[in-house]
Protein backbone atom coordinates (compact mmCIF):
# COMPACT_ATOMS: atom_id res chain seq x y z
CA MET A 1 18.76 0.60 -4.18
CA LYS A 2 18.81 -2.15 -1.64
CA LEU A 3 22.14 -2.72 -0.05
CA SER A 4 23.41 -5.30 2.41
CA LEU A 5 24.37 -3.14 5.32
CA LEU A 6 27.07 -4.89 7.41
CA PRO A 7 29.39 -5.71 4.53
CA LEU A 8 29.07 -2.06 3.35
CA LEU A 9 30.07 -0.97 6.77
CA LEU A 10 33.49 -2.52 6.25
CA LEU A 11 34.21 -0.34 3.24
CA PRO A 12 36.86 2.36 3.97
CA LEU A 13 35.92 5.85 4.87
CA ILE A 14 36.14 8.30 1.96
CA THR A 15 35.79 12.18 1.88
CA PHE A 16 32.35 13.64 1.36
CA ALA A 17 30.84 17.24 1.57
CA ASN A 18 30.74 19.01 4.96
CA ASP A 19 27.13 18.02 5.48
CA ARG A 20 28.01 14.46 5.69
CA HIS A 21 28.95 13.19 9.20
CA PRO A 22 31.31 10.33 10.00
CA TYR A 23 30.34 7.65 12.38
CA THR A 24 32.62 4.86 13.81
CA CYS A 25 31.17 1.58 14.99
CA ASP A 26 31.99 -0.87 17.61
CA ASN A 27 33.68 -3.29 15.20
CA GLY A 28 36.04 -0.61 13.88
CA SER A 29 34.10 0.08 10.65
CA ARG A 30 33.01 3.67 9.50
CA VAL A 31 30.08 5.06 7.57
CA GLU A 32 28.92 8.70 6.83
CA LEU A 33 25.55 10.02 7.25
CA SER A 34 23.67 13.11 6.12
CA PHE A 35 20.22 14.23 6.90
CA GLY A 36 17.68 16.19 4.93
CA ALA A 37 14.23 15.83 3.44
CA ALA A 38 12.46 14.43 0.35
CA ALA A 39 10.65 16.31 -2.31
CA ASP A 40 7.48 15.94 -0.29
CA GLY A 41 9.18 17.45 2.94
CA ARG A 42 9.52 14.03 4.71
CA PRO A 43 12.80 13.84 6.71
CA GLN A 44 15.25 11.32 5.62
CA ALA A 45 18.80 10.06 6.39
CA THR A 46 21.23 8.97 3.71
CA LEU A 47 24.05 6.39 4.28
CA HIS A 48 27.04 7.24 2.11
CA PHE A 49 29.05 4.22 0.87
CA ALA A 50 31.80 3.81 -1.74
CA ASP A 51 29.46 2.32 -4.34
CA GLY A 52 26.46 4.27 -3.77
CA ASP A 53 23.94 5.85 -1.21
CA LEU A 54 21.04 4.41 0.62
CA VAL A 55 18.17 6.69 1.54
CA LEU A 56 16.11 5.83 4.65
CA PRO A 57 12.78 7.72 5.21
CA GLN A 58 11.99 8.70 8.82
CA VAL A 59 9.35 6.77 10.59
CA PRO A 60 7.72 7.53 14.12
CA ALA A 61 9.98 6.71 17.16
CA ALA A 62 9.41 7.44 20.87
CA SER A 63 12.87 8.79 21.33
CA GLY A 64 15.56 10.05 18.91
CA ALA A 65 15.06 9.48 15.22
CA LEU A 66 14.18 6.25 13.33
CA TYR A 67 14.76 5.80 9.76
CA ARG A 68 13.81 2.66 7.71
CA ALA A 69 13.79 1.23 4.15
CA ASP A 70 13.07 -2.39 3.44
CA ASP A 71 14.75 -4.41 6.28
CA ILE A 72 17.40 -1.84 7.10
CA ARG A 73 16.99 0.58 10.16
CA LEU A 74 18.85 3.47 11.50
CA HIS A 75 18.04 4.96 15.02
CA THR A 76 19.88 8.00 16.01
CA GLN A 77 19.96 9.71 19.38
CA ASP A 78 22.41 12.55 20.34
CA ASP A 79 25.78 11.40 18.84
CA GLU A 80 25.06 7.72 18.81
CA ALA A 81 23.59 5.55 15.99
CA ILE A 82 22.34 2.13 15.86
CA PHE A 83 22.18 0.08 12.67
CA GLU A 84 20.14 -3.07 12.14
CA ASP A 85 20.23 -5.02 8.83
CA GLY A 86 16.94 -7.13 9.53
CA ARG A 87 18.95 -10.36 9.81
CA GLY A 88 19.81 -10.11 13.47
CA ASN A 89 23.02 -8.00 12.93
CA VAL A 90 23.36 -4.83 14.92
CA ARG A 91 26.01 -2.13 15.08
CA ARG A 92 26.46 0.50 17.73
CA CYS A 93 28.27 3.52 16.31
CA ILE A 94 29.20 7.07 17.61
CA LYS A 95 29.74 10.32 15.71
CA GLY A 96 33.39 11.02 15.07
CA THR A 97 36.44 8.97 14.23
CA THR A 98 36.90 7.38 17.66
CA PRO A 99 35.18 3.89 18.20
CA PRO A 100 32.57 3.61 21.05
CA PRO A 101 34.08 2.70 24.43
CA GLY A 102 34.60 -0.85 25.09
CA ALA A 103 35.92 -3.83 22.99
CA ASN A 104 33.51 -5.48 20.96
CA PRO A 105 30.40 -5.08 23.43
CA PRO A 106 27.44 -7.27 22.90
CA PRO A 107 25.05 -6.24 20.07
CA ALA A 108 22.48 -3.63 21.05
CA ALA A 109 19.03 -5.01 21.66
CA SER A 110 16.34 -4.05 19.23
CA SER A 111 13.62 -1.84 20.58
CA PHE A 112 11.50 -2.20 17.34
CA LEU A 113 8.59 -4.46 16.37
CA ASP A 114 8.03 -5.72 13.03
CA ILE A 115 4.34 -6.26 11.97
CA THR A 116 3.95 -8.39 8.94
CA GLY A 117 0.91 -9.35 7.15
CA SER A 118 -0.98 -9.38 3.75
CA VAL A 119 -4.01 -7.84 2.45
CA ALA A 120 -6.62 -9.56 0.18
CA TYR A 121 -10.15 -9.22 -1.08
CA ARG A 122 -12.72 -11.74 -2.46
CA GLN A 123 -13.96 -9.87 -5.50
CA ARG A 124 -12.36 -10.96 -8.90
CA ILE A 125 -11.29 -7.46 -9.79
CA ALA A 126 -7.79 -6.56 -10.96
CA LEU A 127 -6.18 -3.46 -9.25
CA PRO A 128 -5.01 -0.59 -11.58
CA PRO A 129 -1.25 -0.76 -12.13
CA ASP A 130 -0.69 2.47 -10.30
CA ALA A 131 -2.77 1.84 -7.30
CA ILE A 132 -1.37 2.40 -3.81
CA LEU A 133 -1.69 0.27 -0.69
CA ILE A 134 -1.72 2.26 2.52
CA VAL A 135 -1.12 0.37 5.92
CA ARG A 136 -1.66 2.14 9.20
CA ILE A 137 -0.73 1.01 12.84
CA GLN A 138 -2.63 2.71 15.43
CA ASP A 139 -3.09 2.73 19.20
CA VAL A 140 -7.04 2.73 19.83
CA ALA A 141 -6.81 2.35 23.61
CA ARG A 142 -8.21 5.87 24.49
CA ALA A 143 -12.06 5.55 24.58
CA GLY A 144 -13.75 8.49 22.97
CA ALA A 145 -10.67 9.97 21.77
CA PRO A 146 -8.99 9.69 18.25
CA ALA A 147 -6.70 6.77 17.55
CA ARG A 148 -3.00 7.64 17.82
CA GLN A 149 -1.21 6.76 14.55
CA LEU A 150 2.13 5.00 15.19
CA ALA A 151 3.22 4.28 11.61
CA GLU A 152 1.92 4.45 7.93
CA GLN A 153 3.35 2.55 5.07
CA ARG A 154 2.49 3.54 1.46
CA ILE A 155 3.23 0.78 -1.09
CA GLU A 156 3.08 1.67 -4.84
CA LEU A 157 1.69 -1.56 -6.24
CA GLY A 158 3.20 -1.27 -9.69
CA GLY A 159 0.55 -3.80 -10.93
CA ARG A 160 0.84 -6.23 -8.17
CA GLN A 161 -2.35 -7.93 -7.29
CA VAL A 162 -3.66 -9.51 -4.10
CA PRO A 163 -2.52 -10.97 -1.80
CA ILE A 164 -0.16 -8.26 -1.27
CA PRO A 165 2.43 -8.65 1.63
CA PHE A 166 3.63 -5.80 3.78
CA VAL A 167 6.14 -5.21 6.68
CA THR A 168 5.65 -2.29 8.86
CA THR A 169 8.01 -1.23 11.97
CA ILE A 170 6.91 0.60 15.11
CA ASP A 171 8.99 1.60 18.13
CA ARG A 172 8.34 -0.62 21.02
CA ASP A 173 8.64 2.52 23.42
CA LEU A 174 5.62 3.93 21.79
CA ILE A 175 3.54 1.10 23.28
CA GLY A 176 2.08 1.70 26.76
CA LYS A 177 0.84 -0.74 29.27
CA LYS A 178 -2.63 -0.12 28.38
CA SER A 179 -2.14 0.26 24.57
CA ARG A 180 -4.34 -1.60 22.14
CA ILE A 181 -2.49 -1.81 18.81
CA THR A 182 -4.36 -2.55 15.69
CA VAL A 183 -3.61 -2.58 11.95
CA SER A 184 -5.88 -1.40 9.20
CA ALA A 185 -5.30 -0.86 5.30
CA ARG A 186 -6.85 0.71 2.35
CA ILE A 187 -6.12 0.80 -1.47
CA GLU A 188 -6.50 3.99 -3.40
CA HIS A 189 -6.05 4.77 -6.97
CA LYS A 190 -5.56 8.53 -7.89
CA GLY A 191 -6.97 9.67 -4.67
CA LYS A 192 -10.12 7.60 -4.94
CA LEU A 193 -10.71 4.88 -2.38
CA LEU A 194 -11.21 1.32 -3.95
CA PHE A 195 -10.86 -1.14 -1.00
CA ILE A 196 -10.61 -0.80 2.81
CA THR A 197 -10.74 -2.93 5.84
CA ASP A 198 -14.12 -2.57 7.63
CA LYS A 199 -12.36 -3.27 11.16
CA HIS A 200 -9.13 -2.78 12.92
CA TYR A 201 -7.11 -5.96 13.28
CA PRO A 202 -5.40 -6.45 16.81
CA VAL A 203 -1.63 -6.85 17.05
CA ALA A 204 -0.11 -8.91 19.77
CA THR A 205 2.86 -6.86 21.20
CA ASP A 206 4.01 -9.53 23.89
CA GLY A 207 6.90 -10.83 21.53
CA GLN A 208 6.96 -10.80 17.88
CA PRO A 209 3.41 -10.54 16.36
CA PRO A 210 2.23 -13.31 14.11
CA HIS A 211 1.50 -12.68 10.41
CA ILE A 212 -1.68 -10.82 10.04
CA GLU A 213 -4.06 -11.42 7.14
CA LEU A 214 -6.30 -8.41 6.43
CA GLN A 215 -9.45 -8.99 4.52
CA MET A 216 -10.67 -5.83 2.45
CA LYS A 217 -14.03 -4.67 1.35
CA GLN A 218 -14.80 -2.95 -1.95
CA VAL A 219 -16.00 0.59 -1.58
CA ALA A 220 -19.48 1.24 -3.04
CA GLY A 221 -19.23 2.78 -6.48
CA ALA A 222 -15.59 1.76 -6.86
CA SER A 223 -14.58 0.06 -10.19
CA ARG A 224 -11.43 -0.46 -12.06
CA ARG A 225 -10.30 2.23 -14.39
């Protein structure tokens, strides 16, 4: 379920189970959070609203914990939480029922970098409806050492065909002065590799990177099933 974050933050606080923690935001609104794990063991955060819950899977972060779903982000550290709705609206919140100090402070600056792009291939081959696109963001700066993976996004295609768009978020604090950030992709079907990028595409990190178009190659022996 995709929800518009900030209007929901204005909903009145209601009573939840003991594992749900109240947070009060800098605009006086309140929200409750709980933390747990998905069936596959991946940590996740749940935002509880009067008309439903929003689950955000955890993604890599340099500090604290970062959770993301679609264009909504939640970054927590100690008793603080920062919400971003992907449209430039940011709210700073603190655990408990007392608003953060200061009256209407300026919005917190985002420390996250959105990497947007699309994947395609030249062959006139349709993908199986249950194929999966996997996009990986890596730092390949260390010569002779394995690349450091900063983010991985798995997209169940559900019958979609190329070109396929993607948006992946990384924490800017993971990027060092000598980092070389690249993006690569692969398409799998039931664990079998069908298409893959044969190179790592560089990502500009001085500002918002441009839209990146990834061209994929068919794996030898791969065919539609």
